[in-house]
């Protein structure tokens, strides 16, 4: 597959996952919406368009060129160990999901990174549109980190794009306002992060917000000791204590990372 075909595949998967999860949470919503859904879709949809235009030109394009350059130079551990074909694509997916776990965790524990990740958690509800809610500053920082991952591993363009498409779809899934029966929840947790666990990551309480960092494979939270069971009382209040009345304000969203240190608190 060439770059154009890979981008088309990524876009189709994004639209399909967004549509399906939007339908599922309409029919089987587990939490009552505290804000009109249309307002959430308009705000987060506009933010997605803005971020897509901005990052595709300034970050994603250069990152893909960098990926091809690294691959052509034979850099990275995948080349050192001679991993190619489907084995390389699968290895890239698993390894980058592990890297993504640590990147997400650092976004909560490193004050500078938290400034830019915080706007994502200022949402007072969690549904599929929350998966679209990322500050452009966080996206640029993320692409910079991914450039390092690419240098270390040397993934194929296919492997990298499969990872990018998959984590986007998984993010939409586990942010969705749905839940599973305890039986299915237990089955899904053998491998995957679930909407129930990820919703608890968005609570006001630090106990669960500083936990459940995995994107795809729940094994990382188990291995590194950050898996926390949701608490029904904690789940009643999602988001952060700050900015609750202005979480859908474009201006407040954009300026949130740049609030003066005297007024900023790592909640």
C-alpha atoms as a PDB file:
ATOM      1  CA  UNK A   1       0.000   0.000   0.000  1.00  0.00           C
ATOM      2  CA  UNK A   2       1.242   3.476  -0.833  1.00  0.00           C
ATOM      3  CA  UNK A   3       0.932   6.531   1.404  1.00  0.00           C
ATOM      4  CA  UNK A   4      -2.276   7.739  -0.215  1.00  0.00           C
ATOM      5  CA  UNK A   5      -3.951   4.349   0.273  1.00  0.00           C
ATOM      6  CA  UNK A   6      -2.776   4.176   3.896  1.00  0.00           C
ATOM      7  CA  UNK A   7      -4.160   7.643   4.620  1.00  0.00           C
ATOM      8  CA  UNK A   8      -7.464   6.647   3.028  1.00  0.00           C
ATOM      9  CA  UNK A   9      -7.568   3.496   5.188  1.00  0.00           C
ATOM     10  CA  UNK A  10      -6.858   5.573   8.303  1.00  0.00           C
ATOM     11  CA  UNK A  11      -9.604   8.076   7.447  1.00  0.00           C
ATOM     12  CA  UNK A  12     -12.171   5.347   6.727  1.00  0.00           C
ATOM     13  CA  UNK A  13     -11.408   3.543   9.985  1.00  0.00           C
ATOM     14  CA  UNK A  14     -11.626   6.830  11.897  1.00  0.00           C
ATOM     15  CA  UNK A  15     -15.031   7.692  10.407  1.00  0.00           C
ATOM     16  CA  UNK A  16     -16.366   4.147  10.804  1.00  0.00           C
ATOM     17  CA  UNK A  17     -15.312   3.834  14.454  1.00  0.00           C
ATOM     18  CA  UNK A  18     -16.654   7.311  15.277  1.00  0.00           C
ATOM     19  CA  UNK A  19     -19.999   6.555  13.646  1.00  0.00           C
ATOM     20  CA  UNK A  20     -20.442   3.131  15.225  1.00  0.00           C
ATOM     21  CA  UNK A  21     -19.480   4.210  18.735  1.00  0.00           C
ATOM     22  CA  UNK A  22     -21.714   7.265  18.375  1.00  0.00           C
ATOM     23  CA  UNK A  23     -24.636   4.994  17.500  1.00  0.00           C
ATOM     24  CA  UNK A  24     -23.859   2.513  20.287  1.00  0.00           C
ATOM     25  CA  UNK A  25     -23.727   5.188  22.976  1.00  0.00           C
ATOM     26  CA  UNK A  26     -26.968   6.687  21.682  1.00  0.00           C
ATOM     27  CA  UNK A  27     -28.772   3.372  22.108  1.00  0.00           C
ATOM     28  CA  UNK A  28     -26.962   2.012  25.167  1.00  0.00           C
ATOM     29  CA  UNK A  29     -25.744   5.081  27.069  1.00  0.00           C
ATOM     30  CA  UNK A  30     -24.690   4.290  30.637  1.00  0.00           C
ATOM     31  CA  UNK A  31     -24.313   7.881  31.894  1.00  0.00           C
ATOM     32  CA  UNK A  32     -26.759  10.733  31.490  1.00  0.00           C
ATOM     33  CA  UNK A  33     -25.428  13.627  29.419  1.00  0.00           C
ATOM     34  CA  UNK A  34     -25.147  16.788  31.506  1.00  0.00           C
ATOM     35  CA  UNK A  35     -24.616  18.965  28.428  1.00  0.00           C
ATOM     36  CA  UNK A  36     -26.576  18.886  25.187  1.00  0.00           C
ATOM     37  CA  UNK A  37     -24.927  16.336  22.906  1.00  0.00           C
ATOM     38  CA  UNK A  38     -25.091  18.590  19.867  1.00  0.00           C
ATOM     39  CA  UNK A  39     -22.938  21.154  21.699  1.00  0.00           C
ATOM     40  CA  UNK A  40     -20.351  18.470  22.418  1.00  0.00           C
ATOM     41  CA  UNK A  41     -20.311  17.275  18.813  1.00  0.00           C
ATOM     42  CA  UNK A  42     -20.017  20.828  17.436  1.00  0.00           C
ATOM     43  CA  UNK A  43     -17.180  21.805  19.798  1.00  0.00           C
ATOM     44  CA  UNK A  44     -15.155  18.606  19.488  1.00  0.00           C
ATOM     45  CA  UNK A  45     -15.887  18.259  15.760  1.00  0.00           C
ATOM     46  CA  UNK A  46     -14.598  21.783  15.085  1.00  0.00           C
ATOM     47  CA  UNK A  47     -11.558  21.066  17.252  1.00  0.00           C
ATOM     48  CA  UNK A  48     -10.857  17.911  15.232  1.00  0.00           C
ATOM     49  CA  UNK A  49     -10.999  19.801  11.939  1.00  0.00           C
ATOM     50  CA  UNK A  50      -8.677  22.486  13.329  1.00  0.00           C
ATOM     51  CA  UNK A  51      -6.223  19.934  14.717  1.00  0.00           C
ATOM     52  CA  UNK A  52      -6.287  17.838  11.545  1.00  0.00           C
ATOM     53  CA  UNK A  53      -5.506  20.765   9.268  1.00  0.00           C
ATOM     54  CA  UNK A  54      -2.811  22.079  11.594  1.00  0.00           C
ATOM     55  CA  UNK A  55      -1.027  18.827  12.428  1.00  0.00           C
ATOM     56  CA  UNK A  56      -1.327  17.193   9.011  1.00  0.00           C
ATOM     57  CA  UNK A  57       0.597  20.058   7.435  1.00  0.00           C
ATOM     58  CA  UNK A  58       3.064  20.750  10.228  1.00  0.00           C
ATOM     59  CA  UNK A  59       3.605  17.395  11.936  1.00  0.00           C
ATOM     60  CA  UNK A  60       2.093  14.268  10.397  1.00  0.00           C
ATOM     61  CA  UNK A  61       3.551  14.833   6.933  1.00  0.00           C
ATOM     62  CA  UNK A  62       7.111  15.372   8.211  1.00  0.00           C
ATOM     63  CA  UNK A  63       6.704  12.418  10.577  1.00  0.00           C
ATOM     64  CA  UNK A  64       5.802  10.081   7.721  1.00  0.00           C
ATOM     65  CA  UNK A  65       8.738  11.373   5.671  1.00  0.00           C
ATOM     66  CA  UNK A  66      10.953  10.771   8.722  1.00  0.00           C
ATOM     67  CA  UNK A  67       9.593   7.229   9.022  1.00  0.00           C
ATOM     68  CA  UNK A  68      10.473   6.451   5.418  1.00  0.00           C
ATOM     69  CA  UNK A  69      13.921   8.018   5.808  1.00  0.00           C
ATOM     70  CA  UNK A  70      14.714   5.993   8.941  1.00  0.00           C
ATOM     71  CA  UNK A  71      13.519   2.841   7.212  1.00  0.00           C
ATOM     72  CA  UNK A  72      15.599   3.513   4.106  1.00  0.00           C
ATOM     73  CA  UNK A  73      18.681   4.168   6.220  1.00  0.00           C
ATOM     74  CA  UNK A  74      18.255   0.804   7.933  1.00  0.00           C
ATOM     75  CA  UNK A  75      18.104   2.382  11.381  1.00  0.00           C
ATOM     76  CA  UNK A  76      16.238   0.969  14.333  1.00  0.00           C
ATOM     77  CA  UNK A  77      16.019  -2.299  16.251  1.00  0.00           C
ATOM     78  CA  UNK A  78      13.611  -3.877  13.777  1.00  0.00           C
ATOM     79  CA  UNK A  79      16.412  -3.796  11.198  1.00  0.00           C
ATOM     80  CA  UNK A  80      19.021  -4.972  13.648  1.00  0.00           C
ATOM     81  CA  UNK A  81      16.943  -8.063  14.450  1.00  0.00           C
ATOM     82  CA  UNK A  82      15.776  -8.586  10.861  1.00  0.00           C
ATOM     83  CA  UNK A  83      12.041  -8.272  11.654  1.00  0.00           C
ATOM     84  CA  UNK A  84      10.024  -7.812   8.457  1.00  0.00           C
ATOM     85  CA  UNK A  85       6.585  -8.448   6.973  1.00  0.00           C
ATOM     86  CA  UNK A  86       3.607  -9.212   9.175  1.00  0.00           C
ATOM     87  CA  UNK A  87       5.910  -9.870  12.144  1.00  0.00           C
ATOM     88  CA  UNK A  88       7.179  -6.294  11.911  1.00  0.00           C
ATOM     89  CA  UNK A  89       3.657  -4.838  11.671  1.00  0.00           C
ATOM     90  CA  UNK A  90       2.489  -6.817  14.721  1.00  0.00           C
ATOM     91  CA  UNK A  91       5.665  -6.019  16.665  1.00  0.00           C
ATOM     92  CA  UNK A  92       5.331  -2.322  15.855  1.00  0.00           C
ATOM     93  CA  UNK A  93       1.731  -2.324  17.044  1.00  0.00           C
ATOM     94  CA  UNK A  94       2.532  -4.012  20.366  1.00  0.00           C
ATOM     95  CA  UNK A  95       5.725  -2.069  21.058  1.00  0.00           C
ATOM     96  CA  UNK A  96       4.259   1.327  20.180  1.00  0.00           C
ATOM     97  CA  UNK A  97       1.230   0.593  22.344  1.00  0.00           C
ATOM     98  CA  UNK A  98       3.678   0.010  25.216  1.00  0.00           C
ATOM     99  CA  UNK A  99       5.416   3.303  24.381  1.00  0.00           C
ATOM    100  CA  UNK A 100       2.004   4.994  24.282  1.00  0.00           C
ATOM    101  CA  UNK A 101       1.240   3.688  27.782  1.00  0.00           C
ATOM    102  CA  UNK A 102       4.357   5.386  29.157  1.00  0.00           C
ATOM    103  CA  UNK A 103       3.762   8.554  27.166  1.00  0.00           C
ATOM    104  CA  UNK A 104       0.236   8.757  28.583  1.00  0.00           C
ATOM    105  CA  UNK A 105       1.552   8.117  32.092  1.00  0.00           C
ATOM    106  CA  UNK A 106       4.209  10.815  31.737  1.00  0.00           C
ATOM    107  CA  UNK A 107       1.501  13.240  30.571  1.00  0.00           C
ATOM    108  CA  UNK A 108       0.005  12.848  34.039  1.00  0.00           C
ATOM    109  CA  UNK A 109       3.201  12.895  36.085  1.00  0.00           C
ATOM    110  CA  UNK A 110       5.434  15.448  34.330  1.00  0.00           C
ATOM    111  CA  UNK A 111       4.079  18.953  35.107  1.00  0.00           C
ATOM    112  CA  UNK A 112       5.031  20.456  31.727  1.00  0.00           C
ATOM    113  CA  UNK A 113       3.299  17.646  29.812  1.00  0.00           C
ATOM    114  CA  UNK A 114       0.279  17.777  32.133  1.00  0.00           C
ATOM    115  CA  UNK A 115      -0.287  21.421  31.144  1.00  0.00           C
ATOM    116  CA  UNK A 116      -1.149  20.269  27.617  1.00  0.00           C
ATOM    117  CA  UNK A 117      -2.906  17.020  28.552  1.00  0.00           C
ATOM    118  CA  UNK A 118      -5.053  18.727  31.187  1.00  0.00           C
ATOM    119  CA  UNK A 119      -7.531  20.208  28.649  1.00  0.00           C
ATOM    120  CA  UNK A 120      -8.458  16.659  27.651  1.00  0.00           C
ATOM    121  CA  UNK A 121      -9.441  15.930  31.266  1.00  0.00           C
ATOM    122  CA  UNK A 122     -11.341  19.181  31.728  1.00  0.00           C
ATOM    123  CA  UNK A 123     -14.285  17.584  29.936  1.00  0.00           C
ATOM    124  CA  UNK A 124     -17.015  17.013  32.525  1.00  0.00           C
ATOM    125  CA  UNK A 125     -18.452  14.089  30.623  1.00  0.00           C
ATOM    126  CA  UNK A 126     -16.846  11.154  28.822  1.00  0.00           C
ATOM    127  CA  UNK A 127     -18.212  10.009  25.499  1.00  0.00           C
ATOM    128  CA  UNK A 128     -16.853   9.302  22.039  1.00  0.00           C
ATOM    129  CA  UNK A 129     -16.350  13.023  21.377  1.00  0.00           C
ATOM    130  CA  UNK A 130     -13.897  13.155  24.297  1.00  0.00           C
ATOM    131  CA  UNK A 131     -11.567  11.050  22.129  1.00  0.00           C
ATOM    132  CA  UNK A 132     -11.374  14.077  19.806  1.00  0.00           C
ATOM    133  CA  UNK A 133     -10.526  16.486  22.606  1.00  0.00           C
ATOM    134  CA  UNK A 134      -6.777  17.104  22.474  1.00  0.00           C
ATOM    135  CA  UNK A 135      -4.924  20.373  22.684  1.00  0.00           C
ATOM    136  CA  UNK A 136      -2.831  21.058  19.542  1.00  0.00           C
ATOM    137  CA  UNK A 137       0.188  21.544  21.806  1.00  0.00           C
ATOM    138  CA  UNK A 138      -0.217  18.012  23.130  1.00  0.00           C
ATOM    139  CA  UNK A 139      -0.484  16.642  19.598  1.00  0.00           C
ATOM    140  CA  UNK A 140       2.763  18.345  18.543  1.00  0.00           C
ATOM    141  CA  UNK A 141       4.530  17.022  21.636  1.00  0.00           C
ATOM    142  CA  UNK A 142       3.158  13.565  20.882  1.00  0.00           C
ATOM    143  CA  UNK A 143       4.406  13.641  17.295  1.00  0.00           C
ATOM    144  CA  UNK A 144       7.831  14.707  18.548  1.00  0.00           C
ATOM    145  CA  UNK A 145       7.921  11.700  20.873  1.00  0.00           C
ATOM    146  CA  UNK A 146       6.781   9.400  18.069  1.00  0.00           C
ATOM    147  CA  UNK A 147       9.705  10.624  15.966  1.00  0.00           C
ATOM    148  CA  UNK A 148      11.976   9.199  18.691  1.00  0.00           C
ATOM    149  CA  UNK A 149      10.062   5.896  18.728  1.00  0.00           C
ATOM    150  CA  UNK A 150      10.482   5.667  14.965  1.00  0.00           C
ATOM    151  CA  UNK A 151      14.222   6.270  15.252  1.00  0.00           C
ATOM    152  CA  UNK A 152      14.581   3.584  17.936  1.00  0.00           C
ATOM    153  CA  UNK A 153      12.486   0.937  16.207  1.00  0.00           C
ATOM    154  CA  UNK A 154      12.483   1.751  12.481  1.00  0.00           C
ATOM    155  CA  UNK A 155       8.916   0.676  11.631  1.00  0.00           C
ATOM    156  CA  UNK A 156       7.625   0.250   8.110  1.00  0.00           C
ATOM    157  CA  UNK A 157       5.198   2.872   6.877  1.00  0.00           C
ATOM    158  CA  UNK A 158       2.469   0.212   6.961  1.00  0.00           C
ATOM    159  CA  UNK A 159       3.293  -0.768  10.543  1.00  0.00           C
ATOM    160  CA  UNK A 160       3.253   2.833  11.732  1.00  0.00           C
ATOM    161  CA  UNK A 161      -0.003   3.712   9.956  1.00  0.00           C
ATOM    162  CA  UNK A 162      -1.737   0.575  11.235  1.00  0.00           C
ATOM    163  CA  UNK A 163      -0.742   1.608  14.751  1.00  0.00           C
ATOM    164  CA  UNK A 164      -1.972   5.179  14.233  1.00  0.00           C
ATOM    165  CA  UNK A 165      -5.315   4.019  12.829  1.00  0.00           C
ATOM    166  CA  UNK A 166      -5.805   1.379  15.520  1.00  0.00           C
ATOM    167  CA  UNK A 167      -5.102   3.585  18.542  1.00  0.00           C
ATOM    168  CA  UNK A 168      -7.498   6.203  17.178  1.00  0.00           C
ATOM    169  CA  UNK A 169     -10.260   3.586  16.866  1.00  0.00           C
ATOM    170  CA  UNK A 170      -9.494   2.150  20.311  1.00  0.00           C
ATOM    171  CA  UNK A 171      -9.538   5.620  21.830  1.00  0.00           C
ATOM    172  CA  UNK A 172     -12.992   6.208  20.382  1.00  0.00           C
ATOM    173  CA  UNK A 173     -14.137   2.855  21.754  1.00  0.00           C
ATOM    174  CA  UNK A 174     -12.911   3.242  25.323  1.00  0.00           C
ATOM    175  CA  UNK A 175     -14.053   6.865  25.617  1.00  0.00           C
ATOM    176  CA  UNK A 176     -17.579   5.942  24.528  1.00  0.00           C
ATOM    177  CA  UNK A 177     -20.495   6.300  26.927  1.00  0.00           C
ATOM    178  CA  UNK A 178     -21.297   2.593  27.033  1.00  0.00           C
ATOM    179  CA  UNK A 179     -20.724  -0.258  29.428  1.00  0.00           C
ATOM    180  CA  UNK A 180     -20.748  -4.045  29.291  1.00  0.00           C
ATOM    181  CA  UNK A 181     -22.206  -6.631  31.588  1.00  0.00           C
ATOM    182  CA  UNK A 182     -19.820  -7.888  34.254  1.00  0.00           C
ATOM    183  CA  UNK A 183     -19.418 -11.137  32.300  1.00  0.00           C
ATOM    184  CA  UNK A 184     -18.362  -9.385  29.092  1.00  0.00           C
ATOM    185  CA  UNK A 185     -16.314  -6.813  31.000  1.00  0.00           C
ATOM    186  CA  UNK A 186     -14.267  -9.641  32.498  1.00  0.00           C
ATOM    187  CA  UNK A 187     -13.776 -11.255  29.096  1.00  0.00           C
ATOM    188  CA  UNK A 188     -12.721  -8.024  27.397  1.00  0.00           C
ATOM    189  CA  UNK A 189     -10.235  -7.278  30.153  1.00  0.00           C
ATOM    190  CA  UNK A 190      -8.211 -10.348  29.308  1.00  0.00           C
ATOM    191  CA  UNK A 191      -6.752  -8.227  26.526  1.00  0.00           C
ATOM    192  CA  UNK A 192      -8.316  -4.789  26.125  1.00  0.00           C
ATOM    193  CA  UNK A 193      -8.845  -1.494  27.876  1.00  0.00           C
ATOM    194  CA  UNK A 194     -12.613  -1.084  28.393  1.00  0.00           C
ATOM    195  CA  UNK A 195     -14.926   1.960  28.506  1.00  0.00           C
ATOM    196  CA  UNK A 196     -15.656   1.270  32.185  1.00  0.00           C
ATOM    197  CA  UNK A 197     -11.990   1.349  33.168  1.00  0.00           C
ATOM    198  CA  UNK A 198     -11.148   4.337  31.015  1.00  0.00           C
ATOM    199  CA  UNK A 199     -14.112   6.377  32.261  1.00  0.00           C
ATOM    200  CA  UNK A 200     -12.691   5.896  35.766  1.00  0.00           C
ATOM    201  CA  UNK A 201      -9.437   7.414  34.484  1.00  0.00           C
ATOM    202  CA  UNK A 202     -11.440  10.630  33.937  1.00  0.00           C
ATOM    203  CA  UNK A 203     -12.733  11.001  37.485  1.00  0.00           C
ATOM    204  CA  UNK A 204     -12.026  13.964  39.746  1.00  0.00           C
ATOM    205  CA  UNK A 205     -10.424  11.470  42.144  1.00  0.00           C
ATOM    206  CA  UNK A 206      -6.667  11.048  41.771  1.00  0.00           C
ATOM    207  CA  UNK A 207      -6.922   7.399  42.840  1.00  0.00           C
ATOM    208  CA  UNK A 208      -8.250   6.298  39.466  1.00  0.00           C
ATOM    209  CA  UNK A 209      -7.142   9.288  37.369  1.00  0.00           C
ATOM    210  CA  UNK A 210      -3.543   8.339  38.143  1.00  0.00           C
ATOM    211  CA  UNK A 211      -4.194   4.840  36.814  1.00  0.00           C
ATOM    212  CA  UNK A 212      -5.663   2.893  33.878  1.00  0.00           C
ATOM    213  CA  UNK A 213      -3.330   4.452  31.303  1.00  0.00           C
ATOM    214  CA  UNK A 214      -3.417   1.725  28.641  1.00  0.00           C
ATOM    215  CA  UNK A 215      -4.767   2.468  25.183  1.00  0.00           C
ATOM    216  CA  UNK A 216      -5.176  -0.998  23.663  1.00  0.00           C
ATOM    217  CA  UNK A 217      -3.623  -3.757  25.768  1.00  0.00           C
ATOM    218  CA  UNK A 218      -4.588  -3.725  29.438  1.00  0.00           C
ATOM    219  CA  UNK A 219      -1.507  -5.833  30.181  1.00  0.00           C
ATOM    220  CA  UNK A 220       0.594  -2.686  30.592  1.00  0.00           C
ATOM    221  CA  UNK A 221      -1.467  -1.454  33.561  1.00  0.00           C
ATOM    222  CA  UNK A 222      -1.275  -4.913  35.098  1.00  0.00           C
ATOM    223  CA  UNK A 223       2.480  -5.249  34.579  1.00  0.00           C
ATOM    224  CA  UNK A 224       3.342  -1.774  35.885  1.00  0.00           C
ATOM    225  CA  UNK A 225       0.854  -1.769  38.757  1.00  0.00           C
ATOM    226  CA  UNK A 226      -1.478   1.008  37.593  1.00  0.00           C
ATOM    227  CA  UNK A 227      -4.716  -0.939  37.220  1.00  0.00           C
ATOM    228  CA  UNK A 228      -7.444   0.407  39.516  1.00  0.00           C
ATOM    229  CA  UNK A 229     -11.035  -0.779  39.809  1.00  0.00           C
ATOM    230  CA  UNK A 230     -13.697   1.911  39.302  1.00  0.00           C
ATOM    231  CA  UNK A 231     -15.559   3.136  42.354  1.00  0.00           C
ATOM    232  CA  UNK A 232     -19.256   3.990  41.952  1.00  0.00           C
ATOM    233  CA  UNK A 233     -18.969   7.082  44.144  1.00  0.00           C
ATOM    234  CA  UNK A 234     -15.907   8.424  42.302  1.00  0.00           C
ATOM    235  CA  UNK A 235     -17.589   7.776  38.945  1.00  0.00           C
ATOM    236  CA  UNK A 236     -20.348  10.266  39.757  1.00  0.00           C
ATOM    237  CA  UNK A 237     -18.022  13.210  39.074  1.00  0.00           C
ATOM    238  CA  UNK A 238     -15.888  13.172  35.943  1.00  0.00           C
ATOM    239  CA  UNK A 239     -13.394  15.737  34.731  1.00  0.00           C
ATOM    240  CA  UNK A 240     -11.375  18.186  36.819  1.00  0.00           C
ATOM    241  CA  UNK A 241     -12.482  20.596  39.510  1.00  0.00           C
ATOM    242  CA  UNK A 242     -11.160  23.531  37.496  1.00  0.00           C
ATOM    243  CA  UNK A 243     -12.821  24.853  34.358  1.00  0.00           C
ATOM    244  CA  UNK A 244     -16.068  22.942  34.815  1.00  0.00           C
ATOM    245  CA  UNK A 245     -18.234  25.824  33.579  1.00  0.00           C
ATOM    246  CA  UNK A 246     -16.069  26.616  30.563  1.00  0.00           C
ATOM    247  CA  UNK A 247     -15.023  23.155  29.354  1.00  0.00           C
ATOM    248  CA  UNK A 248     -16.678  23.803  25.965  1.00  0.00           C
ATOM    249  CA  UNK A 249     -15.226  27.298  25.563  1.00  0.00           C
ATOM    250  CA  UNK A 250     -12.740  27.410  22.628  1.00  0.00           C
ATOM    251  CA  UNK A 251     -10.756  30.271  24.164  1.00  0.00           C
ATOM    252  CA  UNK A 252     -10.478  28.673  27.596  1.00  0.00           C
ATOM    253  CA  UNK A 253      -9.547  25.347  26.005  1.00  0.00           C
ATOM    254  CA  UNK A 254      -6.702  26.837  23.965  1.00  0.00           C
ATOM    255  CA  UNK A 255      -5.276  28.980  26.768  1.00  0.00           C
ATOM    256  CA  UNK A 256      -5.563  26.295  29.516  1.00  0.00           C
ATOM    257  CA  UNK A 257      -1.894  25.139  29.271  1.00  0.00           C
ATOM    258  CA  UNK A 258      -0.666  28.714  29.550  1.00  0.00           C
ATOM    259  CA  UNK A 259      -2.368  29.688  32.801  1.00  0.00           C
ATOM    260  CA  UNK A 260       0.180  31.256  35.154  1.00  0.00           C
ATOM    261  CA  UNK A 261       2.021  28.878  37.469  1.00  0.00           C
ATOM    262  CA  UNK A 262       0.481  30.625  40.476  1.00  0.00           C
ATOM    263  CA  UNK A 263      -3.001  29.627  39.313  1.00  0.00           C
ATOM    264  CA  UNK A 264      -2.132  26.182  37.999  1.00  0.00           C
ATOM    265  CA  UNK A 265      -2.487  23.097  40.161  1.00  0.00           C
ATOM    266  CA  UNK A 266      -1.633  19.521  39.296  1.00  0.00           C
ATOM    267  CA  UNK A 267      -4.925  17.994  40.376  1.00  0.00           C
END
